Protein backbone atom coordinates (compact mmCIF):
# COMPACT_ATOMS: atom_id res chain seq x y z
CA MET A 1 -8.17 22.25 20.59
CA LYS A 2 -4.42 22.47 20.89
CA LYS A 3 -2.47 20.58 18.70
CA VAL A 4 -0.49 17.50 20.38
CA GLN A 5 3.50 17.40 18.56
CA LYS A 6 6.02 16.50 20.86
CA GLU A 7 10.07 16.35 19.83
CA CYS A 8 13.19 16.35 21.90
CA TRP A 9 16.29 17.42 21.07
CA THR A 10 18.51 14.36 21.85
CA VAL A 11 22.21 12.35 20.95
CA THR A 12 22.54 9.17 19.00
CA GLU A 13 23.67 6.19 21.48
CA SER A 14 23.55 3.19 18.87
CA ILE A 15 22.73 2.30 15.01
CA VAL A 16 20.22 -0.44 15.66
CA PHE A 17 19.96 -0.94 11.66
CA GLU A 18 20.86 0.66 8.26
CA ASP A 19 20.73 -0.31 4.77
CA GLU A 20 20.82 2.35 1.48
CA THR A 21 17.79 4.19 2.44
CA ILE A 22 17.10 4.11 6.19
CA GLN A 23 18.96 4.59 9.51
CA ILE A 24 17.35 3.69 12.95
CA VAL A 25 18.66 4.96 15.82
CA GLN A 26 18.42 4.52 19.59
CA THR A 27 18.55 7.74 21.22
CA ALA A 28 19.67 8.97 24.90
CA ASP A 29 16.23 10.54 25.80
CA SER A 30 13.54 8.17 24.07
CA SER A 31 12.76 4.26 24.76
CA TYR A 32 11.67 3.90 21.29
CA PRO A 33 14.00 3.96 18.32
CA ALA A 34 13.75 6.74 15.56
CA ILE A 35 13.89 6.16 11.66
CA LEU A 36 16.24 8.78 9.84
CA TYR A 37 15.60 8.71 6.20
CA LYS A 38 18.66 9.28 4.10
CA ARG A 39 16.95 10.84 1.09
CA PHE A 40 16.27 13.73 3.95
CA PHE A 41 19.36 13.50 6.22
CA PRO A 42 22.76 12.73 6.19
CA ALA A 43 23.74 9.27 8.21
CA VAL A 44 24.56 9.69 11.39
CA SER A 45 26.83 8.38 13.96
CA ILE A 46 27.40 7.66 17.44
CA GLY A 47 27.14 10.71 19.58
CA THR A 48 25.74 12.77 16.40
CA LYS A 49 22.90 15.90 18.05
CA LEU A 50 19.38 15.37 16.20
CA VAL A 51 15.94 16.32 17.13
CA ILE A 52 13.35 13.38 17.12
CA ASN A 53 9.56 13.81 16.25
CA GLN A 54 7.72 11.55 19.26
CA THR A 55 4.04 12.73 18.41
CA ALA A 56 3.08 9.30 17.09
CA THR A 57 4.10 7.38 19.93
CA ALA A 58 2.85 9.59 22.61
CA LEU A 59 -0.38 8.98 21.20
CA ASN A 60 0.23 5.36 20.45
CA LEU A 61 -0.45 5.70 17.22
CA GLY A 62 0.62 2.41 14.83
CA THR A 63 4.43 3.71 13.60
CA GLY A 64 5.48 0.22 14.51
CA GLY A 65 7.08 2.35 17.85
CA PHE A 66 9.32 4.62 15.91
CA ASP A 67 9.85 7.81 15.96
CA PHE A 68 11.53 9.78 13.72
CA VAL A 69 14.62 12.40 13.38
CA LYS A 70 13.35 15.62 12.40
CA HIS A 71 16.48 17.21 12.39
CA VAL A 72 20.39 16.01 12.24
CA PHE A 73 23.13 18.45 13.66
CA ALA A 74 25.84 17.55 10.98
CA SER A 75 27.40 18.76 8.32
CA THR A 76 24.64 19.53 5.13
CA ARG A 77 23.67 16.45 3.32
CA GLU A 78 24.54 17.92 -0.68
CA SER A 79 21.93 17.06 -2.91
CA GLU A 80 22.15 14.94 -6.30
CA LYS A 81 22.04 17.01 -9.34
CA ASN A 82 18.80 16.80 -10.79
CA GLU A 83 17.52 18.45 -13.95
CA SER A 84 13.58 17.32 -13.36
CA HIS A 85 11.18 20.00 -12.42
CA ILE A 86 8.61 17.70 -10.17
CA MET A 87 8.81 18.48 -6.50
CA LYS A 88 7.49 16.08 -3.85
CA LEU A 89 6.53 17.45 -0.62
CA ARG A 90 5.73 20.61 -2.34
CA TYR A 91 6.60 23.70 0.00
CA MET A 92 7.48 21.55 2.60
CA PRO A 93 10.89 21.81 3.92
CA LEU A 94 11.74 18.93 3.12
CA GLN A 95 10.65 18.99 -0.53
CA HIS A 96 12.84 17.78 -3.03
CA VAL A 97 13.16 16.81 -6.70
CA VAL A 98 12.22 13.64 -8.54
CA ASN A 99 12.63 12.03 -11.56
CA SER A 100 9.00 11.63 -12.74
CA LEU A 101 8.00 9.41 -15.74
CA GLU A 102 5.95 11.91 -17.07
CA GLU A 103 9.17 13.80 -17.86
CA ARG A 104 10.41 11.00 -19.91
CA LYS A 105 9.95 12.29 -23.59
CA GLU A 106 10.07 8.88 -24.98
CA LEU A 107 7.25 7.71 -22.76
CA HIS A 108 5.07 10.16 -23.93
CA PRO A 109 3.44 8.07 -26.86
CA LEU A 110 2.02 5.90 -23.98
CA PHE A 111 0.92 8.05 -22.19
CA GLU A 112 -1.67 9.43 -25.25
CA ASN A 113 -3.37 6.01 -24.96
CA HIS A 114 -6.75 6.63 -23.36
CA SER A 115 -7.83 3.04 -23.35
CA SER A 116 -4.30 1.71 -22.92
CA LEU A 117 -4.92 -0.73 -20.34
CA GLN A 118 -6.80 -3.10 -22.72
CA ASN A 119 -8.87 -4.75 -20.28
CA LYS A 120 -6.40 -5.29 -17.89
CA LYS A 121 -7.45 -6.51 -14.32
CA ILE A 122 -5.91 -4.52 -11.67
CA ILE A 123 -5.80 -5.10 -7.92
CA LEU A 124 -6.95 -2.58 -5.76
CA ALA A 125 -5.70 -3.29 -2.11
CA GLU A 126 -6.81 -1.19 0.68
CA LEU A 127 -4.00 -1.98 3.50
CA HIS A 128 -0.42 -1.94 3.44
CA SER A 129 -0.57 -5.77 5.05
CA MET A 130 -1.81 -6.93 2.12
CA VAL A 131 1.24 -6.05 -0.32
CA PRO A 132 3.53 -9.16 1.13
CA ILE A 133 0.82 -11.27 0.95
CA ILE A 134 -0.22 -10.38 -2.58
CA TYR A 135 3.34 -10.66 -4.12
CA ASP A 136 4.38 -14.09 -1.98
CA VAL A 137 1.48 -15.66 -3.03
CA ALA A 138 1.59 -14.44 -6.43
CA ILE A 139 5.38 -16.10 -6.50
CA GLU A 140 3.99 -19.33 -5.33
CA LEU A 141 1.19 -19.72 -8.39
CA ASP A 142 4.07 -18.41 -11.02
CA GLU A 143 7.85 -17.76 -10.00
CA THR A 144 8.24 -15.96 -13.26
CA ALA A 145 5.36 -13.38 -12.85
CA SER A 146 6.40 -9.75 -12.62
CA CYS A 147 4.62 -7.37 -10.04
CA CYS A 148 4.31 -3.69 -10.18
CA PHE A 149 2.63 -2.14 -7.16
CA ILE A 150 1.68 1.41 -7.53
CA PHE A 151 1.36 3.29 -4.19
CA ASP A 152 -0.41 6.43 -3.33
CA ASP A 153 -0.37 9.11 -0.88
CA SER A 154 -3.37 8.47 1.19
CA ALA A 155 -1.12 6.77 3.98
CA SER A 156 2.62 7.04 4.73
CA LEU A 157 4.39 9.47 2.36
CA THR A 158 7.64 7.36 2.31
CA ILE A 159 7.44 3.79 1.74
CA GLU A 160 10.72 3.33 3.14
CA ILE A 161 9.42 2.90 6.70
CA SER A 162 8.24 -0.67 5.32
CA SER A 163 10.46 -3.51 6.26
CA HIS A 164 8.01 -5.34 3.96
CA ILE A 165 9.22 -2.97 1.13
CA ARG A 166 12.71 -2.88 2.06
CA ARG A 167 13.09 -6.72 1.25
CA LEU A 168 10.75 -6.55 -1.94
CA GLN A 169 12.86 -3.67 -3.79
CA GLU A 170 15.56 -6.16 -3.25
CA LEU A 171 13.58 -8.45 -6.26
CA SER A 172 14.07 -8.29 -9.70
CA ASN A 173 10.95 -9.46 -10.20
CA PHE A 174 9.10 -6.67 -7.71
CA HIS A 175 8.61 -2.98 -9.20
CA SER A 176 7.21 0.09 -7.23
CA ILE A 177 5.48 3.40 -8.47
CA THR A 178 4.98 6.05 -5.82
CA ILE A 179 2.36 8.77 -7.23
CA GLY A 180 1.33 11.86 -5.77
CA GLN A 181 3.20 12.73 -2.89
CA CYS A 182 4.40 9.39 -1.79
CA ILE A 183 7.84 8.67 -2.27
CA GLY A 184 10.55 5.54 -2.34
CA GLY A 185 9.51 3.94 -5.17
CA GLU A 186 11.82 2.51 -7.79
CA PHE A 187 9.87 4.96 -10.11
CA ASP A 188 7.96 8.55 -9.68
CA ALA A 189 4.80 9.37 -11.24
CA VAL A 190 2.77 12.29 -11.09
CA SER A 191 -0.72 10.72 -11.43
CA LEU A 192 -2.32 7.23 -11.31
CA ALA A 193 -3.12 7.15 -14.55
CA SER A 194 0.42 7.76 -16.06
CA ALA A 195 1.83 4.68 -13.42
CA LEU A 196 -0.88 2.17 -15.19
CA GLN A 197 0.25 3.22 -18.38
CA PHE A 198 3.17 2.80 -17.19
CA ALA A 199 3.27 -0.17 -15.69
CA HIS A 200 1.56 -2.10 -18.42
CA GLY A 201 2.46 -0.58 -21.45
CA TYR A 202 6.32 -0.65 -20.63
CA LEU A 203 7.07 -2.71 -17.68
CA HIS A 204 4.28 -5.06 -19.56
CA ALA A 205 3.82 -6.56 -15.05
CA ASP A 206 2.11 -9.65 -15.07
CA LEU A 207 0.27 -8.33 -12.17
CA ILE A 208 -0.30 -4.88 -11.23
CA VAL A 209 -1.37 -3.73 -7.68
CA ILE A 210 -2.81 0.06 -6.10
CA SER A 211 -1.87 0.01 -2.42
CA VAL A 212 -1.03 1.97 -0.13
CA GLY A 213 2.20 2.50 2.96
CA PRO A 214 1.60 1.82 6.14
CA GLY A 215 -0.68 4.53 8.32
CA VAL A 216 -4.22 4.43 6.69
CA VAL A 217 -6.70 6.43 8.88
CA GLY A 218 -9.95 5.43 10.10
CA THR A 219 -12.11 7.75 12.15
CA GLY A 220 -15.24 5.38 12.55
CA THR A 221 -17.25 7.92 10.66
CA LYS A 222 -19.01 6.72 7.09
CA TYR A 223 -16.76 8.58 5.03
CA GLY A 224 -13.53 9.47 7.08
CA HIS A 225 -11.10 6.96 6.44
CA SER A 226 -8.44 6.30 3.92
CA ALA A 227 -10.46 3.32 1.82
CA MET A 228 -12.47 6.29 -0.01
CA ASP A 229 -9.54 6.61 -2.29
CA ILE A 230 -9.95 3.33 -3.85
CA ALA A 231 -12.77 4.57 -5.48
CA ASN A 232 -10.79 7.03 -7.59
CA TRP A 233 -8.42 4.21 -8.04
CA ALA A 234 -11.37 1.91 -9.42
CA ASN A 235 -12.48 4.67 -11.31
CA THR A 236 -9.10 5.68 -13.11
CA VAL A 237 -8.55 2.23 -13.88
CA GLY A 238 -12.12 1.89 -15.48
CA ALA A 239 -11.52 5.53 -17.52
CA LEU A 240 -7.87 3.80 -18.60
CA GLY A 241 -9.65 0.38 -20.08
CA GLY A 242 -9.14 -1.58 -17.28
CA CYS A 243 -10.82 -4.11 -14.58
CA PRO A 244 -10.55 -2.70 -11.40
CA VAL A 245 -10.28 -6.39 -8.64
CA TRP A 246 -11.13 -5.26 -5.43
CA ILE A 247 -9.97 -7.15 -2.58
CA PRO A 248 -12.65 -7.41 -0.14
CA ARG A 249 -11.72 -6.69 3.36
CA LEU A 250 -13.51 -9.54 5.12
CA SER A 251 -13.39 -10.60 8.59
CA PHE A 252 -15.30 -12.63 11.03
CA ALA A 253 -13.07 -12.28 14.00
CA ASP A 254 -13.24 -8.38 14.05
CA ASN A 255 -15.21 -7.27 17.14
CA ARG A 256 -16.08 -3.96 15.46
CA ASP A 257 -19.46 -3.87 13.43
CA ARG A 258 -18.60 -1.80 10.70
CA HIS A 259 -15.82 -4.39 10.00
CA TYR A 260 -17.42 -7.63 10.67
CA GLY A 261 -18.27 -9.74 7.60
CA LEU A 262 -17.44 -7.14 4.72
CA SER A 263 -16.12 -4.05 6.22
CA HIS A 264 -17.72 -0.82 5.69
CA HIS A 265 -14.09 0.60 4.23
CA THR A 266 -15.08 -1.89 1.24
CA ILE A 267 -18.99 -1.45 0.90
CA THR A 268 -18.76 2.41 0.96
CA PRO A 269 -16.33 3.38 -1.48
CA LEU A 270 -17.03 0.60 -3.92
CA TYR A 271 -21.46 0.99 -3.85
CA GLU A 272 -21.15 5.10 -3.03
CA PHE A 273 -18.51 6.02 -5.23
CA THR A 274 -17.50 3.93 -7.94
CA TYR A 275 -18.82 4.75 -11.33
CA CYS A 276 -17.63 1.86 -13.15
CA PRO A 277 -18.36 -1.95 -13.00
CA CYS A 278 -15.92 -3.53 -10.64
CA MET A 279 -15.01 -7.46 -9.82
CA LEU A 280 -15.26 -8.40 -5.97
CA ILE A 281 -13.62 -12.04 -5.75
CA PHE A 282 -15.00 -13.84 -2.54
CA PRO A 283 -13.03 -16.97 -1.28
CA PRO A 284 -14.48 -20.10 -0.22
CA LEU A 285 -17.09 -18.85 2.73
CA GLN A 286 -19.12 -20.97 4.79
CA ILE A 287 -23.06 -20.91 4.23
CA GLU A 288 -23.61 -18.41 7.53
CA GLN A 289 -20.88 -16.25 6.40
CA LYS A 290 -22.30 -15.66 3.13
CA LYS A 291 -25.35 -14.62 4.27
CA VAL A 292 -24.02 -12.00 6.39
CA ILE A 293 -22.36 -10.80 3.58
CA GLU A 294 -25.47 -10.85 1.15
CA ALA A 295 -27.36 -8.87 4.35
CA GLN A 296 -24.74 -6.20 4.18
CA LEU A 297 -25.28 -5.50 0.48
CA THR A 298 -28.99 -5.88 0.07
CA ASN A 299 -30.24 -2.55 -1.65
CA VAL A 300 -27.04 -1.28 -1.68
CA SER A 301 -26.08 -1.82 -5.40
CA ARG A 302 -26.27 1.29 -7.61
CA VAL A 303 -23.14 0.04 -10.74
CA ASP A 304 -23.68 -3.49 -11.70
CA HIS A 305 -20.66 -5.05 -9.80
CA GLN A 306 -19.96 -8.37 -10.52
CA LEU A 307 -19.48 -10.76 -7.50
CA ILE A 308 -17.64 -14.06 -7.95
CA TYR A 309 -18.05 -16.46 -4.76
CA SER A 310 -15.34 -19.16 -5.38
CA SER A 311 -16.27 -22.81 -4.08
CA ASN A 312 -12.78 -24.07 -3.84
CA LEU A 313 -9.44 -22.07 -2.76
CA SER A 314 -7.72 -22.08 -5.92
CA ASN A 315 -4.43 -23.39 -5.85
CA GLU A 316 -5.15 -24.26 -2.20
CA GLU A 317 -2.22 -26.36 -1.16
CA ALA A 318 0.79 -23.61 -2.35
CA VAL A 319 -2.14 -21.02 -1.18
CA ARG A 320 -2.34 -22.46 2.53
CA ARG A 321 1.38 -23.20 2.90
CA VAL A 322 2.10 -19.45 1.87
CA LEU A 323 -0.68 -18.15 4.20
CA SER A 324 0.18 -20.74 7.00
CA VAL A 325 4.21 -19.89 7.16
CA GLY A 326 3.95 -15.87 6.91
CA LYS A 327 4.76 -13.88 9.48
CA VAL A 328 2.01 -10.78 8.23
CA LYS A 329 -0.45 -9.94 10.62
CA THR A 330 -3.59 -7.44 10.02
CA MET A 331 -5.02 -5.63 13.08
CA GLY A 332 -3.01 -8.02 15.34
CA ARG A 333 -4.30 -10.91 13.46
CA GLY A 334 -2.45 -13.92 12.05
CA TYR A 335 -3.47 -16.31 9.15
CA ASN A 336 -4.73 -18.78 11.76
CA ASP A 337 -6.79 -16.33 13.77
CA ASP A 338 -8.85 -14.49 10.62
CA PRO A 339 -8.49 -17.00 7.65
CA VAL A 340 -10.94 -15.38 5.04
CA PHE A 341 -9.07 -11.98 5.29
CA PHE A 342 -5.81 -13.64 4.02
CA GLU A 343 -7.90 -15.77 2.12
CA ALA A 344 -9.75 -13.03 0.43
CA ILE A 345 -6.40 -11.94 -0.82
CA SER A 346 -5.28 -15.02 -2.02
CA GLU A 347 -8.28 -15.45 -3.78
CA ALA A 348 -7.90 -12.34 -5.82
CA VAL A 349 -4.38 -12.78 -6.97
CA SER A 350 -4.93 -16.33 -8.41
CA PHE A 351 -7.85 -14.72 -10.30
CA CYS A 352 -5.84 -11.92 -11.99
CA LEU A 353 -3.23 -14.39 -12.70
CA LYS A 354 -5.24 -17.24 -13.94
CA GLY A 355 -7.99 -15.39 -15.19
CA CYS A 356 -10.22 -17.99 -13.13
CA THR A 357 -11.61 -18.86 -9.97
CA SER A 358 -12.91 -22.64 -8.72
């Protein structure tokens, strides 16, 4: 099968948005705006010639309706001097050096402690849409809480595409670490293990979350989806002496059988590929909803995972206030369309911050 890749040589017509990390530009030959990442290219002005990659919008994929700047015909962008030797996007035209946490010698004793998480509860969040909800709920429950989010490379390789992340990065109690080939975090790490040790042992974050940027992949097959990586996250957390807390991907509004009730994106990696005990926190469910989930989990257990069904929504008034006014959607659905998805997130956050559920 011939690969589809569409690109266009064009010119900048207007600057739609700009901050320290990106520009969003409108070009003469596309109906979609294009994102320019400043870490790779110099900022452009009206009339600058550039090349944009239109593959995703041509295939109607979920990029938020953006093309991407591939090349800028302008003066060369000078690279910042960097004595590090850890490369991200290795052996690609846009490879570049980052200052990895592992290269900081003063942190080496921290990285030697194998059981360094000390039974710390670590949230595992499959979807990027969960990230702003987790943070907003956490701050509603405890405005002094410090939150550290670790992003791996199973979705977007740059988290700067996310407007949620660009908002959160400006806040003093929000920290981000990008690992693997993912870039754009406040800190960079080579591995998830090092990132977890740093988040807990150096930042002393009250809430630690592992998640992804936008752009997870699904194919409709049992193992061909990004959520399979969550098993690796859980196993790493367990190996370091931590307690993995999965946010169950719940929906009773999704018309796809594989995502109705408890999604197979939770069931498959948790029960077939995770080798350490985990916690799965459920929000209050109707009797019939609970029966659906119990039927889905019949005869699937390999490890003694702990399932907790909450009888009441923890901190209900505060949580409903955050969820009902939030503009975050998942699969096009908001809180009123599919409340259990959102309440599952809030219940996991409450459990990790307060240590108990109702």
